[in-house]
Protein backbone atom coordinates (compact mmCIF):
# COMPACT_ATOMS: atom_id res chain seq x y z
CA UNK A 1 0.00 0.00 0.00
CA UNK A 2 1.28 3.44 -0.92
CA UNK A 3 0.52 5.92 1.94
CA UNK A 4 1.01 9.16 -0.06
CA UNK A 5 -1.57 7.93 -2.59
CA UNK A 6 -4.13 7.87 0.24
CA UNK A 7 -3.96 11.67 0.45
CA UNK A 8 -4.82 12.32 -3.20
CA UNK A 9 -8.54 12.54 -2.48
CA UNK A 10 -10.05 15.98 -3.17
CA UNK A 11 -11.23 16.23 0.45
CA UNK A 12 -7.62 16.17 1.69
CA UNK A 13 -6.62 18.80 -0.87
CA UNK A 14 -9.55 20.97 0.22
CA UNK A 15 -8.67 20.57 3.89
CA UNK A 16 -5.00 21.41 3.30
CA UNK A 17 -5.81 24.47 1.20
CA UNK A 18 -8.33 25.66 3.79
CA UNK A 19 -5.74 25.41 6.56
CA UNK A 20 -3.08 27.08 4.42
CA UNK A 21 -5.34 29.98 3.48
CA UNK A 22 -6.43 30.40 7.11
CA UNK A 23 -2.79 30.60 8.22
CA UNK A 24 -2.01 33.09 5.45
CA UNK A 25 -4.91 35.35 6.47
CA UNK A 26 -3.87 35.04 10.13
CA UNK A 27 -0.29 36.05 9.28
CA UNK A 28 -1.43 39.06 7.23
CA UNK A 29 -3.82 40.19 9.96
CA UNK A 30 -1.09 39.85 12.60
CA UNK A 31 1.28 41.99 10.56
CA UNK A 32 -1.39 44.60 9.90
CA UNK A 33 -2.71 44.78 13.46
CA UNK A 34 0.58 44.53 15.36
CA UNK A 35 3.50 45.07 12.99
CA UNK A 36 2.35 48.25 11.30
CA UNK A 37 1.39 50.10 14.52
CA UNK A 38 4.67 48.98 16.12
CA UNK A 39 6.65 50.38 13.22
CA UNK A 40 4.64 53.61 13.22
CA UNK A 41 5.05 54.28 16.93
CA UNK A 42 8.72 53.29 17.15
CA UNK A 43 9.68 55.38 14.12
CA UNK A 44 8.32 58.60 15.65
């Protein structure tokens, strides 16, 4: 049995892309909400 072939189902691809997009949005929001104000207030 080939274990990587078990993860070729579209449900696994959907789950992985959902998690990846969630982490990307979380990273962007963290930078916008914490990184940008930090840079603004430390540069002044």
